[in-house]
C-alpha atoms as a PDB file:
ATOM      1  CA  UNK A   1       6.341  -7.284 -15.696  1.00  0.00           C
ATOM      2  CA  UNK A   2       4.432  -6.675 -12.482  1.00  0.00           C
ATOM      3  CA  UNK A   3       4.742  -3.329 -10.708  1.00  0.00           C
ATOM      4  CA  UNK A   4       3.533  -2.633  -7.171  1.00  0.00           C
ATOM      5  CA  UNK A   5       2.972   1.069  -6.471  1.00  0.00           C
ATOM      6  CA  UNK A   6       3.116   3.147  -3.309  1.00  0.00           C
ATOM      7  CA  UNK A   7       1.094   6.331  -2.891  1.00  0.00           C
ATOM      8  CA  UNK A   8       3.659   9.123  -3.398  1.00  0.00           C
ATOM      9  CA  UNK A   9       4.716   8.133  -6.929  1.00  0.00           C
ATOM     10  CA  UNK A  10       1.080   7.646  -7.930  1.00  0.00           C
ATOM     11  CA  UNK A  11       0.315  11.194  -6.815  1.00  0.00           C
ATOM     12  CA  UNK A  12       3.438  12.457  -8.596  1.00  0.00           C
ATOM     13  CA  UNK A  13       2.472  10.712 -11.838  1.00  0.00           C
ATOM     14  CA  UNK A  14      -1.064  12.102 -11.552  1.00  0.00           C
ATOM     15  CA  UNK A  15       0.442  15.570 -11.044  1.00  0.00           C
ATOM     16  CA  UNK A  16       2.243  15.444 -14.387  1.00  0.00           C
ATOM     17  CA  UNK A  17      -0.594  13.564 -16.131  1.00  0.00           C
ATOM     18  CA  UNK A  18       1.519  10.432 -16.603  1.00  0.00           C
ATOM     19  CA  UNK A  19      -0.418   7.646 -14.855  1.00  0.00           C
ATOM     20  CA  UNK A  20      -1.198   6.122 -18.243  1.00  0.00           C
ATOM     21  CA  UNK A  21       2.502   5.348 -18.738  1.00  0.00           C
ATOM     22  CA  UNK A  22       2.359   2.640 -16.069  1.00  0.00           C
ATOM     23  CA  UNK A  23      -0.078   0.573 -18.128  1.00  0.00           C
ATOM     24  CA  UNK A  24       2.015   1.044 -21.256  1.00  0.00           C
ATOM     25  CA  UNK A  25       5.273  -0.040 -19.601  1.00  0.00           C
ATOM     26  CA  UNK A  26       4.127  -2.785 -17.219  1.00  0.00           C
ATOM     27  CA  UNK A  27       1.924  -5.803 -17.840  1.00  0.00           C
ATOM     28  CA  UNK A  28       0.280  -5.432 -14.438  1.00  0.00           C
ATOM     29  CA  UNK A  29       0.070  -2.607 -11.915  1.00  0.00           C
ATOM     30  CA  UNK A  30      -1.180  -3.521  -8.441  1.00  0.00           C
ATOM     31  CA  UNK A  31      -1.571  -1.705  -5.141  1.00  0.00           C
ATOM     32  CA  UNK A  32      -2.518  -2.744  -1.617  1.00  0.00           C
ATOM     33  CA  UNK A  33      -5.891  -1.548  -0.328  1.00  0.00           C
ATOM     34  CA  UNK A  34      -4.119   0.767   2.135  1.00  0.00           C
ATOM     35  CA  UNK A  35      -2.479   2.723  -0.698  1.00  0.00           C
ATOM     36  CA  UNK A  36      -5.835   3.019  -2.469  1.00  0.00           C
ATOM     37  CA  UNK A  37      -7.457   4.405   0.696  1.00  0.00           C
ATOM     38  CA  UNK A  38      -4.610   6.877   1.178  1.00  0.00           C
ATOM     39  CA  UNK A  39      -4.666   8.370  -2.324  1.00  0.00           C
ATOM     40  CA  UNK A  40      -8.450   8.454  -2.710  1.00  0.00           C
ATOM     41  CA  UNK A  41      -9.255  10.342   0.488  1.00  0.00           C
ATOM     42  CA  UNK A  42     -11.733  13.102  -0.227  1.00  0.00           C
ATOM     43  CA  UNK A  43      -9.319  15.902   0.710  1.00  0.00           C
ATOM     44  CA  UNK A  44      -6.424  14.576  -1.393  1.00  0.00           C
ATOM     45  CA  UNK A  45      -5.370  16.232  -4.614  1.00  0.00           C
ATOM     46  CA  UNK A  46      -6.033  14.013  -7.664  1.00  0.00           C
ATOM     47  CA  UNK A  47      -8.174  11.631  -5.569  1.00  0.00           C
ATOM     48  CA  UNK A  48     -10.871  11.262  -8.241  1.00  0.00           C
ATOM     49  CA  UNK A  49      -8.364  10.621 -11.027  1.00  0.00           C
ATOM     50  CA  UNK A  50      -6.518   8.088  -8.867  1.00  0.00           C
ATOM     51  CA  UNK A  51      -9.758   6.393  -7.795  1.00  0.00           C
ATOM     52  CA  UNK A  52     -10.703   5.862 -11.443  1.00  0.00           C
ATOM     53  CA  UNK A  53      -7.232   4.680 -12.458  1.00  0.00           C
ATOM     54  CA  UNK A  54      -6.725   2.326  -9.492  1.00  0.00           C
ATOM     55  CA  UNK A  55     -10.189   0.782  -9.055  1.00  0.00           C
ATOM     56  CA  UNK A  56      -9.233  -2.533 -10.698  1.00  0.00           C
ATOM     57  CA  UNK A  57      -5.678  -2.692  -9.334  1.00  0.00           C
ATOM     58  CA  UNK A  58      -6.391  -3.280  -5.618  1.00  0.00           C
ATOM     59  CA  UNK A  59      -5.195  -6.332  -3.676  1.00  0.00           C
ATOM     60  CA  UNK A  60      -6.195  -7.052  -0.060  1.00  0.00           C
ATOM     61  CA  UNK A  61      -3.438  -8.515   2.128  1.00  0.00           C
ATOM     62  CA  UNK A  62      -3.900 -10.577   5.278  1.00  0.00           C
ATOM     63  CA  UNK A  63      -0.319 -11.664   6.037  1.00  0.00           C
ATOM     64  CA  UNK A  64       3.147 -10.093   6.207  1.00  0.00           C
ATOM     65  CA  UNK A  65       4.662 -12.173   3.366  1.00  0.00           C
ATOM     66  CA  UNK A  66       8.150 -12.279   4.801  1.00  0.00           C
ATOM     67  CA  UNK A  67       9.015  -8.598   4.910  1.00  0.00           C
ATOM     68  CA  UNK A  68      11.479  -7.349   7.510  1.00  0.00           C
ATOM     69  CA  UNK A  69       9.414  -4.566   8.954  1.00  0.00           C
ATOM     70  CA  UNK A  70      10.407  -1.090  10.030  1.00  0.00           C
ATOM     71  CA  UNK A  71       7.479   0.422  11.850  1.00  0.00           C
ATOM     72  CA  UNK A  72       8.706   3.950  11.199  1.00  0.00           C
ATOM     73  CA  UNK A  73       7.385   3.472   7.656  1.00  0.00           C
ATOM     74  CA  UNK A  74       3.880   4.372   6.566  1.00  0.00           C
ATOM     75  CA  UNK A  75       1.339   1.529   6.382  1.00  0.00           C
ATOM     76  CA  UNK A  76       1.073   1.929   2.603  1.00  0.00           C
ATOM     77  CA  UNK A  77       4.834   1.491   2.209  1.00  0.00           C
ATOM     78  CA  UNK A  78       4.830  -1.611   4.407  1.00  0.00           C
ATOM     79  CA  UNK A  79       1.844  -3.167   2.640  1.00  0.00           C
ATOM     80  CA  UNK A  80       3.359  -2.375  -0.772  1.00  0.00           C
ATOM     81  CA  UNK A  81       6.478  -4.330   0.187  1.00  0.00           C
ATOM     82  CA  UNK A  82       4.337  -7.211   1.401  1.00  0.00           C
ATOM     83  CA  UNK A  83       2.370  -7.212  -1.849  1.00  0.00           C
ATOM     84  CA  UNK A  84       5.616  -7.200  -3.847  1.00  0.00           C
ATOM     85  CA  UNK A  85       6.630 -10.419  -2.086  1.00  0.00           C
ATOM     86  CA  UNK A  86       3.185 -12.012  -2.348  1.00  0.00           C
ATOM     87  CA  UNK A  87       2.946 -11.442  -6.109  1.00  0.00           C
ATOM     88  CA  UNK A  88       6.670 -11.959  -6.803  1.00  0.00           C
ATOM     89  CA  UNK A  89       6.586  -8.583  -8.524  1.00  0.00           C
ATOM     90  CA  UNK A  90       9.355  -7.169 -10.675  1.00  0.00           C
ATOM     91  CA  UNK A  91       9.439  -3.646  -9.212  1.00  0.00           C
ATOM     92  CA  UNK A  92       8.162  -1.588  -6.322  1.00  0.00           C
ATOM     93  CA  UNK A  93       7.358   1.987  -7.353  1.00  0.00           C
ATOM     94  CA  UNK A  94       8.352   4.037  -4.316  1.00  0.00           C
ATOM     95  CA  UNK A  95       9.969   7.442  -3.851  1.00  0.00           C
ATOM     96  CA  UNK A  96      10.613   7.780  -0.115  1.00  0.00           C
ATOM     97  CA  UNK A  97      14.356   7.426   0.503  1.00  0.00           C
ATOM     98  CA  UNK A  98      14.034   5.632   3.856  1.00  0.00           C
ATOM     99  CA  UNK A  99      11.393   3.249   2.510  1.00  0.00           C
ATOM    100  CA  UNK A 100      13.580   2.442  -0.512  1.00  0.00           C
ATOM    101  CA  UNK A 101      16.437   1.475   1.809  1.00  0.00           C
ATOM    102  CA  UNK A 102      14.163  -0.859   3.777  1.00  0.00           C
ATOM    103  CA  UNK A 103      12.864  -2.321   0.504  1.00  0.00           C
ATOM    104  CA  UNK A 104      16.404  -2.968  -0.691  1.00  0.00           C
ATOM    105  CA  UNK A 105      17.218  -4.693   2.634  1.00  0.00           C
ATOM    106  CA  UNK A 106      14.314  -6.989   1.767  1.00  0.00           C
ATOM    107  CA  UNK A 107      15.732  -7.688  -1.717  1.00  0.00           C
ATOM    108  CA  UNK A 108      12.951  -5.691  -3.322  1.00  0.00           C
ATOM    109  CA  UNK A 109      13.813  -4.017  -6.624  1.00  0.00           C
ATOM    110  CA  UNK A 110      12.678  -0.415  -6.562  1.00  0.00           C
ATOM    111  CA  UNK A 111      12.016   2.270  -9.116  1.00  0.00           C
ATOM    112  CA  UNK A 112      10.959   5.866  -8.528  1.00  0.00           C
ATOM    113  CA  UNK A 113       8.760   8.336 -10.350  1.00  0.00           C
ATOM    114  CA  UNK A 114      11.623   9.701 -12.429  1.00  0.00           C
ATOM    115  CA  UNK A 115      12.772   6.162 -13.163  1.00  0.00           C
ATOM    116  CA  UNK A 116       9.360   5.376 -14.644  1.00  0.00           C
ATOM    117  CA  UNK A 117       9.540   8.472 -16.835  1.00  0.00           C
ATOM    118  CA  UNK A 118      13.047   7.545 -17.952  1.00  0.00           C
ATOM    119  CA  UNK A 119      11.975   3.961 -18.684  1.00  0.00           C
ATOM    120  CA  UNK A 120       9.016   5.254 -20.723  1.00  0.00           C
ATOM    121  CA  UNK A 121      11.419   7.226 -22.885  1.00  0.00           C
ATOM    122  CA  UNK A 122      13.853   4.310 -23.189  1.00  0.00           C
ATOM    123  CA  UNK A 123      11.003   2.073 -24.376  1.00  0.00           C
ATOM    124  CA  UNK A 124       9.959   4.811 -26.816  1.00  0.00           C
ATOM    125  CA  UNK A 125       6.562   5.144 -25.147  1.00  0.00           C
ATOM    126  CA  UNK A 126       7.195   8.888 -24.988  1.00  0.00           C
ATOM    127  CA  UNK A 127       9.637  11.071 -26.910  1.00  0.00           C
ATOM    128  CA  UNK A 128      10.612  13.468 -24.114  1.00  0.00           C
ATOM    129  CA  UNK A 129      10.578  13.365 -20.322  1.00  0.00           C
ATOM    130  CA  UNK A 130      11.455  17.014 -19.772  1.00  0.00           C
ATOM    131  CA  UNK A 131       7.830  18.313 -19.921  1.00  0.00           C
ATOM    132  CA  UNK A 132       6.801  15.786 -17.251  1.00  0.00           C
ATOM    133  CA  UNK A 133       9.789  16.633 -15.059  1.00  0.00           C
ATOM    134  CA  UNK A 134       9.186  20.387 -15.412  1.00  0.00           C
ATOM    135  CA  UNK A 135       5.559  19.847 -14.364  1.00  0.00           C
ATOM    136  CA  UNK A 136       6.693  17.901 -11.285  1.00  0.00           C
ATOM    137  CA  UNK A 137       9.444  20.364 -10.428  1.00  0.00           C
ATOM    138  CA  UNK A 138       7.008  23.296 -10.557  1.00  0.00           C
ATOM    139  CA  UNK A 139       4.357  21.489  -8.499  1.00  0.00           C
ATOM    140  CA  UNK A 140       4.030  21.179  -4.730  1.00  0.00           C
ATOM    141  CA  UNK A 141       5.782  17.794  -4.843  1.00  0.00           C
ATOM    142  CA  UNK A 142       9.313  17.934  -3.484  1.00  0.00           C
ATOM    143  CA  UNK A 143      11.848  16.884  -6.070  1.00  0.00           C
ATOM    144  CA  UNK A 144      15.406  18.162  -6.096  1.00  0.00           C
ATOM    145  CA  UNK A 145      16.745  20.045  -9.070  1.00  0.00           C
ATOM    146  CA  UNK A 146      19.933  17.958  -9.036  1.00  0.00           C
ATOM    147  CA  UNK A 147      17.973  14.693  -9.286  1.00  0.00           C
ATOM    148  CA  UNK A 148      15.837  16.133 -12.092  1.00  0.00           C
ATOM    149  CA  UNK A 149      18.944  17.223 -13.969  1.00  0.00           C
ATOM    150  CA  UNK A 150      20.639  13.868 -13.418  1.00  0.00           C
ATOM    151  CA  UNK A 151      17.722  12.054 -15.076  1.00  0.00           C
ATOM    152  CA  UNK A 152      17.437  14.643 -17.843  1.00  0.00           C
ATOM    153  CA  UNK A 153      21.155  14.259 -18.574  1.00  0.00           C
ATOM    154  CA  UNK A 154      20.769  10.458 -18.730  1.00  0.00           C
ATOM    155  CA  UNK A 155      17.900  10.955 -21.166  1.00  0.00           C
ATOM    156  CA  UNK A 156      19.945  13.356 -23.292  1.00  0.00           C
ATOM    157  CA  UNK A 157      17.572  16.236 -22.682  1.00  0.00           C
ATOM    158  CA  UNK A 158      17.993  19.893 -21.741  1.00  0.00           C
ATOM    159  CA  UNK A 159      18.581  20.493 -18.025  1.00  0.00           C
ATOM    160  CA  UNK A 160      16.426  22.760 -15.876  1.00  0.00           C
END
């Protein structure tokens, strides 16, 4: 399976030390150059870790690849959707609610950070998702308690 990733979930997965799960779950992980530039800016948290992880996953795009655009989205979100279409990917890893709606209008299958953690548990790549979710919940990344508890309940784990 091919996964295209946007910046926010990459930062979230770096926050809870779970980037490695992407390579264990998906055959290929790719990102547009714009996402790489966004997450590896010198002032960004986890930029060095993300630079190392993403260095061989970059794709440069020169066309729009049939995406219905919404210019209120960030360039990384737009380019990620374009890359999804270009590579005929299986999933777009994206957390932004508005961007997910636009992706779905474009018949793009999406998954979020918590979905990746849940999938890792389902595939028995990890035994528990709660430690990762607690780390995210206690970080500076916004994630609602109700969404965390929904995923924890699905996974059969203790709520927060």
